[in-house]
Amino acid sequence: GGRVVTLLGNHEALNLEGDFRYVNEAELQSTGRETWSEMFDPEAGAIGAELRGHEAAVVAGEGACRTLFVHAGLRLHHLLDHLRQSGTASTAAAALDAPNERMRLALGQARSRPYADLTGDDGPLWRSKPRHRTAPPAR
């Protein structure tokens, strides 16, 4: 047995925010920009509502095989901020409940972008900053 979990990614967040720059232009024209925008509206759109139900991060597996799945990476400060706000979590999965709930709130208001720390370029959906430190130059 197993399961398939659809995670949120940066392109879903962009569509919820009303930013369609990565949507295929022919598809956008055939659907109509206004219709597309309505479908991805985070509060009233059918696709927008469905996407808001998806997780930004999931822990799966058992024992030593437990693995964190996230689209672009979860920075420690995101997790620590959420733990401080919600109290200590007893499991890794419980520790992700707060960030996932905050992401749902963020995506619900995506068009006004009140949670840019989550949906911006340093959040778990889209990391444009380097993920690894480079080694210091040899002396």
Protein backbone atom coordinates (compact mmCIF):
# COMPACT_ATOMS: atom_id res chain seq x y z
CA GLY A 1 0.00 0.00 0.00
CA GLY A 2 0.94 3.58 -0.44
CA ARG A 3 -0.57 6.93 -1.14
CA VAL A 4 -0.20 9.81 -3.52
CA VAL A 5 -0.11 13.27 -1.98
CA THR A 6 -0.37 16.32 -4.19
CA LEU A 7 1.73 19.12 -2.73
CA LEU A 8 1.35 22.80 -3.41
CA GLY A 9 4.01 24.35 -5.58
CA ASN A 10 4.96 27.80 -6.75
CA HIS A 11 2.92 27.67 -9.96
CA GLU A 12 -0.28 26.87 -8.04
CA ALA A 13 0.42 29.76 -5.66
CA LEU A 14 1.09 32.11 -8.59
CA ASN A 15 -2.26 31.24 -10.17
CA LEU A 16 -4.03 31.79 -6.85
CA GLU A 17 -2.32 35.18 -6.59
CA GLY A 18 -3.59 36.12 -10.05
CA ASP A 19 -0.11 35.92 -11.59
CA PHE A 20 -0.47 33.97 -14.85
CA ARG A 21 2.96 34.59 -16.39
CA TYR A 22 3.80 30.85 -16.46
CA VAL A 23 0.47 29.73 -17.91
CA ASN A 24 0.65 28.64 -21.54
CA GLU A 25 -0.59 31.65 -23.52
CA ALA A 26 -2.67 29.54 -25.92
CA GLU A 27 -4.42 27.82 -23.00
CA LEU A 28 -5.02 31.14 -21.27
CA GLN A 29 -6.50 32.60 -24.47
CA SER A 30 -8.72 29.59 -25.19
CA THR A 31 -10.08 29.61 -21.63
CA GLY A 32 -10.17 33.38 -21.35
CA ARG A 33 -8.09 35.35 -18.86
CA GLU A 34 -11.11 36.37 -16.80
CA THR A 35 -12.48 32.80 -16.66
CA TRP A 36 -9.03 31.51 -15.69
CA SER A 37 -8.82 34.11 -12.96
CA GLU A 38 -12.26 33.13 -11.64
CA MET A 39 -11.38 29.40 -11.63
CA PHE A 40 -8.24 30.07 -9.59
CA ASP A 41 -9.83 32.63 -7.26
CA PRO A 42 -8.70 31.41 -3.82
CA GLU A 43 -12.04 32.18 -2.20
CA ALA A 44 -14.66 31.46 -4.84
CA GLY A 45 -13.00 29.48 -7.63
CA ALA A 46 -13.45 25.71 -7.94
CA ILE A 47 -9.76 25.08 -8.61
CA GLY A 48 -8.69 27.70 -6.07
CA ALA A 49 -10.74 26.02 -3.34
CA GLU A 50 -9.30 22.61 -4.20
CA LEU A 51 -5.71 23.88 -4.18
CA ARG A 52 -6.19 25.49 -0.77
CA GLY A 53 -6.88 22.00 0.58
CA HIS A 54 -3.48 20.69 -0.51
CA GLU A 55 -0.57 20.56 1.92
CA ALA A 56 2.63 22.55 1.54
CA ALA A 57 4.64 19.95 3.47
CA VAL A 58 4.01 16.31 4.45
CA VAL A 59 5.91 13.79 6.56
CA ALA A 60 5.45 10.20 5.36
CA GLY A 61 6.96 6.82 6.10
CA GLU A 62 7.85 4.92 9.24
CA GLY A 63 10.91 4.82 11.50
CA ALA A 64 14.18 5.62 9.78
CA CYS A 65 12.34 5.98 6.47
CA ARG A 66 10.27 8.97 7.63
CA THR A 67 10.75 11.67 5.03
CA LEU A 68 9.70 15.29 4.71
CA PHE A 69 8.21 16.14 1.33
CA VAL A 70 7.95 19.79 0.32
CA HIS A 71 8.01 21.45 -3.10
CA ALA A 72 11.03 23.73 -2.69
CA GLY A 73 12.36 23.29 0.84
CA LEU A 74 11.36 24.19 4.35
CA ARG A 75 13.71 26.55 6.13
CA LEU A 76 14.27 26.00 9.81
CA HIS A 77 13.08 29.51 10.69
CA HIS A 78 9.66 28.78 9.14
CA LEU A 79 9.20 25.72 11.32
CA LEU A 80 10.54 27.42 14.45
CA ASP A 81 8.29 30.45 13.95
CA HIS A 82 5.26 28.19 13.67
CA LEU A 83 6.27 26.11 16.69
CA ARG A 84 6.65 29.28 18.77
CA GLN A 85 3.18 30.41 17.73
CA SER A 86 1.46 27.07 18.30
CA GLY A 87 3.43 25.56 21.19
CA THR A 88 5.59 22.45 21.16
CA ALA A 89 4.54 19.69 18.79
CA SER A 90 5.07 16.07 19.77
CA THR A 91 5.65 14.66 16.29
CA ALA A 92 7.11 15.85 13.02
CA ALA A 93 3.70 15.56 11.37
CA ALA A 94 2.11 17.64 14.15
CA ALA A 95 4.90 20.21 13.82
CA LEU A 96 3.83 20.73 10.19
CA ASP A 97 0.17 21.29 11.05
CA ALA A 98 0.78 24.95 11.93
CA PRO A 99 2.73 25.82 8.74
CA ASN A 100 0.20 23.97 6.59
CA GLU A 101 -2.70 25.77 8.26
CA ARG A 102 -0.93 29.11 7.89
CA MET A 103 -0.34 28.32 4.21
CA ARG A 104 -4.07 27.63 3.76
CA LEU A 105 -4.81 31.03 5.34
CA ALA A 106 -2.18 32.67 3.13
CA LEU A 107 -3.60 31.13 -0.03
CA GLY A 108 -7.11 32.16 0.97
CA GLN A 109 -5.92 35.77 0.79
CA ALA A 110 -3.41 35.19 -2.00
CA ARG A 111 -4.54 38.08 -4.16
CA SER A 112 -3.53 40.55 -1.42
CA ARG A 113 -0.33 38.62 -0.51
CA PRO A 114 -0.39 39.10 3.29
CA TYR A 115 1.89 36.12 3.86
CA ALA A 116 4.75 36.84 1.45
CA ASP A 117 7.15 35.01 3.79
CA LEU A 118 5.38 31.77 2.84
CA THR A 119 4.45 32.44 -0.77
CA GLY A 120 7.48 34.57 -1.66
CA ASP A 121 10.87 33.52 -3.01
CA ASP A 122 12.16 32.32 0.38
CA GLY A 123 9.11 30.23 1.29
CA PRO A 124 8.48 26.49 1.05
CA LEU A 125 6.83 26.80 -2.37
CA TRP A 126 9.48 28.72 -4.24
CA ARG A 127 13.08 29.08 -3.18
CA SER A 128 15.12 31.27 -5.49
CA LYS A 129 17.95 31.75 -3.01
CA PRO A 130 20.82 29.25 -2.86
CA ARG A 131 20.03 26.20 -0.76
CA HIS A 132 23.59 25.28 0.16
CA ARG A 133 26.41 27.39 1.36
CA THR A 134 29.38 27.36 -0.90
CA ALA A 135 32.71 26.17 0.43
CA PRO A 136 35.12 28.94 1.43
CA PRO A 137 37.85 29.59 -1.12
CA ALA A 138 41.01 27.49 -0.70
CA ARG A 139 43.92 29.32 0.89
